[in-house]
N, C-alpha and C. Protein backbone atom coordinates (compact mmCIF):
# COMPACT_ATOMS: atom_id res chain seq x y z
N MET A 1 0.86 -1.18 0.00
CA MET A 1 0.00 0.00 0.00
C MET A 1 0.90 1.24 0.00
N GLU A 2 0.64 2.13 -0.95
CA GLU A 2 1.44 3.34 -1.06
C GLU A 2 1.00 4.37 -0.03
N LYS A 3 2.00 5.07 0.50
CA LYS A 3 1.70 6.16 1.43
C LYS A 3 1.28 7.38 0.62
N PRO A 4 0.30 8.14 1.11
CA PRO A 4 -0.09 9.37 0.41
C PRO A 4 1.02 10.41 0.57
N PHE A 5 1.10 11.30 -0.41
CA PHE A 5 2.08 12.38 -0.31
C PHE A 5 1.76 13.25 0.90
N PRO A 6 2.78 13.72 1.58
CA PRO A 6 2.50 14.61 2.71
C PRO A 6 1.92 15.93 2.21
N THR A 7 1.08 16.53 3.03
CA THR A 7 0.53 17.83 2.63
C THR A 7 1.60 18.89 2.84
N ARG A 8 1.60 19.86 1.95
CA ARG A 8 2.59 20.92 2.00
C ARG A 8 2.29 21.86 3.15
N ARG A 9 3.32 22.11 3.94
CA ARG A 9 3.15 22.98 5.10
C ARG A 9 3.09 24.43 4.64
N GLN A 10 2.17 25.19 5.19
CA GLN A 10 2.03 26.61 4.88
C GLN A 10 3.08 27.39 5.65
N LEU A 11 3.93 28.11 4.93
CA LEU A 11 4.96 28.90 5.59
C LEU A 11 4.44 30.30 5.89
N PRO A 12 4.84 30.87 7.02
CA PRO A 12 4.38 32.22 7.35
C PRO A 12 5.08 33.26 6.50
N HIS A 13 4.35 34.32 6.16
CA HIS A 13 4.93 35.41 5.40
C HIS A 13 4.94 36.70 6.23
N GLU A 14 4.58 36.61 7.47
CA GLU A 14 4.50 37.82 8.26
C GLU A 14 5.88 38.27 8.71
N VAL A 15 6.04 39.58 8.78
CA VAL A 15 7.31 40.16 9.19
C VAL A 15 7.38 40.11 10.71
N PRO A 16 8.39 39.42 11.26
CA PRO A 16 8.52 39.38 12.73
C PRO A 16 8.78 40.77 13.29
N ALA A 17 8.36 41.01 14.52
CA ALA A 17 8.50 42.32 15.15
C ALA A 17 9.96 42.76 15.25
N TRP A 18 10.89 41.81 15.31
CA TRP A 18 12.29 42.17 15.47
C TRP A 18 12.99 42.56 14.17
N VAL A 19 12.31 42.44 13.03
CA VAL A 19 12.91 42.82 11.74
C VAL A 19 12.89 44.34 11.64
N PRO A 20 14.02 44.95 11.29
CA PRO A 20 14.08 46.41 11.22
C PRO A 20 13.19 46.98 10.13
N ASP A 21 12.72 48.21 10.37
CA ASP A 21 11.92 48.91 9.37
C ASP A 21 12.74 49.06 8.10
N GLY A 22 12.07 48.97 6.97
CA GLY A 22 12.77 49.15 5.70
C GLY A 22 13.49 47.91 5.21
N ALA A 23 13.29 46.77 5.87
CA ALA A 23 13.93 45.53 5.41
C ALA A 23 13.51 45.26 3.97
N VAL A 24 14.42 44.71 3.20
CA VAL A 24 14.16 44.41 1.80
C VAL A 24 13.92 42.91 1.65
N TYR A 25 12.90 42.56 0.89
CA TYR A 25 12.54 41.17 0.64
C TYR A 25 12.67 40.86 -0.84
N ALA A 26 13.19 39.71 -1.14
CA ALA A 26 13.15 39.17 -2.49
C ALA A 26 11.87 38.35 -2.56
N VAL A 27 10.97 38.74 -3.44
CA VAL A 27 9.67 38.08 -3.58
C VAL A 27 9.56 37.52 -4.99
N THR A 28 9.13 36.26 -5.08
CA THR A 28 8.88 35.62 -6.37
C THR A 28 7.42 35.17 -6.39
N ILE A 29 6.74 35.52 -7.48
CA ILE A 29 5.34 35.14 -7.66
C ILE A 29 5.25 34.38 -8.99
N ASN A 30 4.73 33.17 -8.93
CA ASN A 30 4.62 32.30 -10.11
C ASN A 30 3.21 32.29 -10.68
N CYS A 31 3.15 32.18 -12.00
CA CYS A 31 1.86 31.96 -12.65
C CYS A 31 1.46 30.50 -12.41
N LYS A 32 0.17 30.26 -12.43
CA LYS A 32 -0.32 28.91 -12.21
C LYS A 32 0.20 27.96 -13.28
N GLN A 33 0.15 28.39 -14.52
CA GLN A 33 0.62 27.56 -15.63
C GLN A 33 2.07 27.93 -15.92
N ARG A 34 2.97 27.03 -15.61
CA ARG A 34 4.40 27.27 -15.83
C ARG A 34 4.76 26.90 -17.26
N GLY A 35 5.81 27.55 -17.78
CA GLY A 35 6.30 27.22 -19.11
C GLY A 35 5.64 27.98 -20.24
N LEU A 36 4.65 28.82 -19.94
CA LEU A 36 4.00 29.63 -20.97
C LEU A 36 4.35 31.10 -20.76
N ASN A 37 4.30 31.88 -21.81
CA ASN A 37 4.51 33.31 -21.67
C ASN A 37 3.20 33.97 -21.27
N SER A 38 2.98 34.09 -20.00
CA SER A 38 1.76 34.71 -19.49
C SER A 38 1.96 36.19 -19.14
N LEU A 39 3.19 36.61 -18.85
CA LEU A 39 3.41 37.96 -18.32
C LEU A 39 4.11 38.93 -19.26
N CYS A 40 4.93 38.45 -20.16
CA CYS A 40 5.78 39.33 -20.97
C CYS A 40 5.09 39.79 -22.24
N HIS A 41 4.03 40.55 -22.04
CA HIS A 41 3.27 41.19 -23.11
C HIS A 41 3.16 42.66 -22.73
N GLU A 42 3.35 43.53 -23.68
CA GLU A 42 3.44 44.97 -23.39
C GLU A 42 2.26 45.49 -22.58
N GLU A 43 1.04 45.15 -22.98
CA GLU A 43 -0.15 45.66 -22.29
C GLU A 43 -0.21 45.16 -20.85
N LEU A 44 0.05 43.89 -20.65
CA LEU A 44 0.02 43.34 -19.30
C LEU A 44 1.17 43.90 -18.46
N ALA A 45 2.34 44.03 -19.07
CA ALA A 45 3.49 44.59 -18.35
C ALA A 45 3.18 46.01 -17.88
N THR A 46 2.50 46.78 -18.70
CA THR A 46 2.10 48.14 -18.32
C THR A 46 1.14 48.10 -17.14
N LEU A 47 0.18 47.19 -17.16
CA LEU A 47 -0.76 47.04 -16.04
C LEU A 47 -0.01 46.67 -14.76
N ILE A 48 0.89 45.72 -14.83
CA ILE A 48 1.64 45.29 -13.65
C ILE A 48 2.45 46.45 -13.09
N ARG A 49 3.15 47.15 -13.96
CA ARG A 49 3.98 48.28 -13.50
C ARG A 49 3.11 49.38 -12.90
N SER A 50 2.05 49.78 -13.58
CA SER A 50 1.24 50.88 -13.07
C SER A 50 0.53 50.52 -11.77
N SER A 51 0.08 49.28 -11.64
CA SER A 51 -0.57 48.88 -10.39
C SER A 51 0.44 48.81 -9.24
N ALA A 52 1.67 48.41 -9.54
CA ALA A 52 2.72 48.41 -8.51
C ALA A 52 3.04 49.83 -8.09
N GLU A 53 3.11 50.75 -9.06
CA GLU A 53 3.37 52.15 -8.75
C GLU A 53 2.23 52.77 -7.96
N PHE A 54 0.99 52.40 -8.28
CA PHE A 54 -0.16 52.91 -7.54
C PHE A 54 -0.05 52.53 -6.06
N ARG A 55 0.29 51.28 -5.81
CA ARG A 55 0.42 50.83 -4.41
C ARG A 55 1.60 51.49 -3.72
N MET A 56 2.64 51.81 -4.49
CA MET A 56 3.76 52.57 -3.91
C MET A 56 3.29 53.98 -3.54
N SER A 57 2.48 54.59 -4.39
CA SER A 57 2.00 55.95 -4.12
C SER A 57 1.13 55.99 -2.86
N ARG A 58 0.52 54.86 -2.53
CA ARG A 58 -0.29 54.76 -1.31
C ARG A 58 0.55 54.37 -0.09
N GLY A 59 1.83 54.10 -0.31
CA GLY A 59 2.73 53.78 0.80
C GLY A 59 2.62 52.35 1.30
N GLU A 60 2.02 51.45 0.50
CA GLU A 60 1.86 50.07 0.93
C GLU A 60 3.15 49.27 0.82
N TRP A 61 3.96 49.62 -0.17
CA TRP A 61 5.24 48.96 -0.35
C TRP A 61 6.14 49.88 -1.14
N TRP A 62 7.40 49.56 -1.17
CA TRP A 62 8.34 50.25 -2.04
C TRP A 62 9.09 49.19 -2.82
N ILE A 63 8.92 49.20 -4.13
CA ILE A 63 9.59 48.23 -4.98
C ILE A 63 10.90 48.85 -5.47
N HIS A 64 11.98 48.20 -5.17
CA HIS A 64 13.29 48.66 -5.61
C HIS A 64 13.58 48.14 -7.02
N LEU A 65 13.10 46.91 -7.29
CA LEU A 65 13.34 46.26 -8.58
C LEU A 65 12.16 45.33 -8.86
N LEU A 66 11.67 45.38 -10.08
CA LEU A 66 10.59 44.48 -10.52
C LEU A 66 10.98 43.94 -11.88
N LEU A 67 11.03 42.62 -12.00
CA LEU A 67 11.41 41.98 -13.26
C LEU A 67 10.39 40.91 -13.60
N LEU A 68 9.85 40.99 -14.80
CA LEU A 68 8.91 39.98 -15.28
C LEU A 68 9.66 38.94 -16.09
N MET A 69 9.34 37.70 -15.85
CA MET A 69 9.75 36.59 -16.69
C MET A 69 8.46 36.07 -17.33
N PRO A 70 8.55 35.21 -18.34
CA PRO A 70 7.33 34.75 -18.99
C PRO A 70 6.29 34.13 -18.04
N ASP A 71 6.73 33.37 -17.03
CA ASP A 71 5.76 32.70 -16.16
C ASP A 71 5.92 33.00 -14.67
N HIS A 72 6.71 34.03 -14.34
CA HIS A 72 6.84 34.45 -12.94
C HIS A 72 7.43 35.85 -12.90
N LEU A 73 7.44 36.43 -11.71
CA LEU A 73 8.07 37.73 -11.55
C LEU A 73 8.90 37.74 -10.28
N HIS A 74 9.87 38.65 -10.27
CA HIS A 74 10.74 38.86 -9.11
C HIS A 74 10.63 40.31 -8.69
N MET A 75 10.63 40.52 -7.38
CA MET A 75 10.66 41.88 -6.83
C MET A 75 11.67 41.94 -5.71
N LEU A 76 12.32 43.06 -5.57
CA LEU A 76 13.01 43.43 -4.35
C LEU A 76 12.16 44.54 -3.77
N VAL A 77 11.58 44.30 -2.61
CA VAL A 77 10.53 45.18 -2.11
C VAL A 77 10.61 45.35 -0.60
N SER A 78 10.24 46.53 -0.13
CA SER A 78 10.08 46.82 1.30
C SER A 78 8.60 47.11 1.53
N PHE A 79 8.11 46.76 2.72
CA PHE A 79 6.69 46.89 3.00
C PHE A 79 6.42 47.97 4.03
N GLU A 80 5.20 48.51 3.95
CA GLU A 80 4.76 49.52 4.90
C GLU A 80 4.86 48.97 6.32
N ILE A 81 5.33 49.80 7.23
CA ILE A 81 5.46 49.40 8.63
C ILE A 81 4.07 49.09 9.19
N GLY A 82 3.96 47.94 9.82
CA GLY A 82 2.70 47.54 10.44
C GLY A 82 1.70 46.92 9.48
N LYS A 83 2.00 46.88 8.21
CA LYS A 83 1.08 46.28 7.23
C LYS A 83 1.50 44.84 6.98
N ARG A 84 0.56 43.95 6.88
CA ARG A 84 0.87 42.54 6.65
C ARG A 84 1.33 42.32 5.22
N MET A 85 2.51 41.71 5.08
CA MET A 85 3.07 41.41 3.76
C MET A 85 2.11 40.54 2.96
N THR A 86 1.55 39.52 3.57
CA THR A 86 0.65 38.61 2.88
C THR A 86 -0.55 39.35 2.30
N LEU A 87 -1.13 40.23 3.09
CA LEU A 87 -2.30 40.98 2.64
C LEU A 87 -1.94 41.90 1.47
N THR A 88 -0.84 42.60 1.59
CA THR A 88 -0.41 43.52 0.54
C THR A 88 -0.19 42.78 -0.78
N VAL A 89 0.56 41.69 -0.74
CA VAL A 89 0.86 40.94 -1.96
C VAL A 89 -0.40 40.28 -2.51
N SER A 90 -1.21 39.68 -1.65
CA SER A 90 -2.40 38.98 -2.15
C SER A 90 -3.42 39.94 -2.75
N GLN A 91 -3.57 41.13 -2.19
CA GLN A 91 -4.49 42.11 -2.78
C GLN A 91 -4.00 42.57 -4.15
N TRP A 92 -2.69 42.78 -4.27
CA TRP A 92 -2.13 43.18 -5.55
C TRP A 92 -2.29 42.05 -6.58
N LYS A 93 -1.99 40.81 -6.17
CA LYS A 93 -2.15 39.67 -7.07
C LYS A 93 -3.61 39.56 -7.54
N ALA A 94 -4.56 39.77 -6.63
CA ALA A 94 -5.98 39.66 -6.99
C ALA A 94 -6.35 40.73 -8.02
N PHE A 95 -5.86 41.94 -7.84
CA PHE A 95 -6.14 43.01 -8.81
C PHE A 95 -5.58 42.65 -10.18
N VAL A 96 -4.30 42.26 -10.23
CA VAL A 96 -3.66 41.92 -11.50
C VAL A 96 -4.35 40.71 -12.14
N ALA A 97 -4.75 39.75 -11.33
CA ALA A 97 -5.45 38.57 -11.86
C ALA A 97 -6.76 38.97 -12.53
N LYS A 98 -7.50 39.83 -11.89
CA LYS A 98 -8.80 40.26 -12.42
C LYS A 98 -8.63 41.13 -13.66
N GLU A 99 -7.79 42.13 -13.56
CA GLU A 99 -7.63 43.09 -14.66
C GLU A 99 -6.81 42.54 -15.82
N GLY A 100 -5.83 41.68 -15.51
CA GLY A 100 -4.94 41.17 -16.55
C GLY A 100 -5.23 39.75 -16.97
N HIS A 101 -6.26 39.15 -16.35
CA HIS A 101 -6.65 37.77 -16.68
C HIS A 101 -5.47 36.81 -16.49
N ILE A 102 -4.81 36.94 -15.35
CA ILE A 102 -3.67 36.08 -15.01
C ILE A 102 -4.09 35.12 -13.91
N GLU A 103 -3.69 33.88 -14.04
CA GLU A 103 -3.90 32.91 -12.97
C GLU A 103 -2.56 32.71 -12.26
N TRP A 104 -2.52 33.13 -11.00
CA TRP A 104 -1.31 33.00 -10.19
C TRP A 104 -1.35 31.68 -9.43
N GLN A 105 -0.18 31.16 -9.11
CA GLN A 105 -0.12 30.07 -8.14
C GLN A 105 -0.55 30.64 -6.80
N ARG A 106 -1.06 29.78 -5.96
CA ARG A 106 -1.43 30.20 -4.62
C ARG A 106 -0.16 30.60 -3.87
N ASN A 107 -0.23 31.69 -3.15
CA ASN A 107 0.85 32.15 -2.30
C ASN A 107 2.00 32.74 -3.11
N PHE A 108 3.15 32.86 -2.49
CA PHE A 108 4.35 33.42 -3.12
C PHE A 108 5.54 33.02 -2.27
N PHE A 109 6.74 33.25 -2.80
CA PHE A 109 7.96 32.96 -2.07
C PHE A 109 8.59 34.28 -1.66
N ASP A 110 9.02 34.38 -0.40
CA ASP A 110 9.73 35.58 0.02
C ASP A 110 10.96 35.21 0.83
N HIS A 111 11.95 36.07 0.74
CA HIS A 111 13.20 35.89 1.46
C HIS A 111 13.70 37.27 1.88
N ARG A 112 13.86 37.48 3.17
CA ARG A 112 14.37 38.77 3.65
C ARG A 112 15.88 38.81 3.46
N LEU A 113 16.36 39.87 2.83
CA LEU A 113 17.80 40.04 2.68
C LEU A 113 18.37 40.34 4.06
N ARG A 114 19.34 39.56 4.44
CA ARG A 114 19.95 39.71 5.76
C ARG A 114 21.26 40.48 5.65
N GLY A 115 21.83 40.78 6.77
CA GLY A 115 23.04 41.61 6.82
C GLY A 115 24.18 41.12 5.96
N ASN A 116 24.33 39.82 5.83
CA ASN A 116 25.47 39.30 5.07
C ASN A 116 25.15 39.16 3.57
N GLU A 117 23.94 39.54 3.17
CA GLU A 117 23.56 39.45 1.77
C GLU A 117 23.59 40.84 1.14
N SER A 118 24.13 40.92 -0.02
CA SER A 118 24.24 42.20 -0.71
C SER A 118 23.01 42.45 -1.57
N PHE A 119 22.43 43.62 -1.41
CA PHE A 119 21.31 44.04 -2.25
C PHE A 119 21.75 44.02 -3.71
N ARG A 120 22.94 44.52 -3.97
CA ARG A 120 23.46 44.60 -5.34
C ARG A 120 23.62 43.21 -5.95
N GLU A 121 24.11 42.25 -5.15
CA GLU A 121 24.27 40.88 -5.64
C GLU A 121 22.92 40.25 -5.96
N LYS A 122 21.94 40.46 -5.10
CA LYS A 122 20.60 39.89 -5.33
C LYS A 122 19.96 40.53 -6.56
N ALA A 123 20.11 41.84 -6.71
CA ALA A 123 19.57 42.53 -7.88
C ALA A 123 20.24 42.02 -9.15
N SER A 124 21.55 41.81 -9.11
CA SER A 124 22.27 41.28 -10.28
C SER A 124 21.80 39.88 -10.62
N TYR A 125 21.57 39.06 -9.60
CA TYR A 125 21.07 37.69 -9.79
C TYR A 125 19.70 37.72 -10.48
N ILE A 126 18.82 38.61 -10.02
CA ILE A 126 17.49 38.72 -10.61
C ILE A 126 17.58 39.22 -12.05
N ARG A 127 18.39 40.24 -12.28
CA ARG A 127 18.54 40.81 -13.62
C ARG A 127 19.13 39.79 -14.61
N ALA A 128 19.90 38.84 -14.10
CA ALA A 128 20.52 37.83 -14.97
C ALA A 128 19.54 36.74 -15.38
N ASN A 129 18.39 36.66 -14.75
CA ASN A 129 17.41 35.62 -15.04
C ASN A 129 17.09 35.46 -16.52
N PRO A 130 16.77 36.55 -17.24
CA PRO A 130 16.46 36.39 -18.68
C PRO A 130 17.66 35.90 -19.49
N VAL A 131 18.86 36.23 -19.06
CA VAL A 131 20.07 35.77 -19.75
C VAL A 131 20.24 34.27 -19.52
N VAL A 132 20.12 33.85 -18.27
CA VAL A 132 20.27 32.44 -17.91
C VAL A 132 19.24 31.58 -18.65
N LYS A 133 18.04 32.11 -18.83
CA LYS A 133 16.98 31.36 -19.52
C LYS A 133 17.08 31.48 -21.04
N GLY A 134 18.09 32.20 -21.53
CA GLY A 134 18.30 32.31 -22.98
C GLY A 134 17.35 33.24 -23.69
N LEU A 135 16.71 34.15 -22.97
CA LEU A 135 15.76 35.07 -23.58
C LEU A 135 16.44 36.28 -24.22
N VAL A 136 17.58 36.67 -23.68
CA VAL A 136 18.40 37.76 -24.23
C VAL A 136 19.86 37.40 -24.01
N GLU A 137 20.75 38.08 -24.72
CA GLU A 137 22.17 37.83 -24.54
C GLU A 137 22.76 38.63 -23.38
N LYS A 138 22.25 39.86 -23.18
CA LYS A 138 22.72 40.72 -22.09
C LYS A 138 21.53 41.18 -21.27
N ALA A 139 21.70 41.28 -19.97
CA ALA A 139 20.61 41.68 -19.08
C ALA A 139 20.02 43.02 -19.48
N GLU A 140 20.84 43.92 -19.98
CA GLU A 140 20.38 45.26 -20.36
C GLU A 140 19.38 45.22 -21.51
N GLU A 141 19.32 44.13 -22.23
CA GLU A 141 18.40 44.01 -23.37
C GLU A 141 16.97 43.66 -22.95
N TRP A 142 16.79 43.18 -21.72
CA TRP A 142 15.47 42.70 -21.28
C TRP A 142 14.55 43.90 -21.04
N PRO A 143 13.40 43.96 -21.72
CA PRO A 143 12.53 45.13 -21.61
C PRO A 143 11.59 45.13 -20.40
N PHE A 144 11.43 44.00 -19.73
CA PHE A 144 10.42 43.89 -18.68
C PHE A 144 11.04 43.98 -17.29
N VAL A 145 11.79 45.04 -17.06
CA VAL A 145 12.43 45.27 -15.76
C VAL A 145 12.35 46.76 -15.43
N TRP A 146 12.05 47.06 -14.17
CA TRP A 146 11.93 48.46 -13.74
C TRP A 146 12.56 48.63 -12.36
N THR A 147 13.12 49.79 -12.17
CA THR A 147 13.66 50.17 -10.85
C THR A 147 13.09 51.53 -10.50
N TRP A 148 13.05 51.81 -9.20
CA TRP A 148 12.61 53.09 -8.71
C TRP A 148 13.66 53.59 -7.72
N PRO A 149 13.99 54.86 -7.78
CA PRO A 149 14.99 55.37 -6.85
C PRO A 149 14.47 55.37 -5.42
N VAL A 150 15.38 55.15 -4.51
CA VAL A 150 15.00 55.17 -3.09
C VAL A 150 14.68 56.61 -2.70
N LEU A 151 13.56 56.77 -2.03
CA LEU A 151 13.19 58.12 -1.58
C LEU A 151 14.06 58.51 -0.40
N GLY A 152 14.52 59.72 -0.40
CA GLY A 152 15.41 60.14 0.68
C GLY A 152 14.93 61.21 1.46
């Protein structure tokens, strides 16, 4: 008799109280259907960028880097103090899903950049994604990437 597969444990996405304000997170959000170009279309890319900027204007998050791949996206992002990361990301995903007709995988992956991790190294790793996947020869050629200057 075969054993059933174990159920996947739900990982918390909440920011612990001891994490300093302004912490940067590497967030990856996958489309439900992998292997298809669901995101890298000019009209949808414009929707994703403008909706991300709208939420930045409301102070919900600050995106340092946003890169679209055909079936997922990467962000380096900081969240509003006291606002739940899960709620912020899930509300944004719901809006993009409805307006852009995108089916996302449930949840998302996040990783807080820690003291020994370089923001520049993580950004370079993300920017290299289209090169590694053979979509462009140089990272600078990829059209679906945006950065915003840090407010001072």
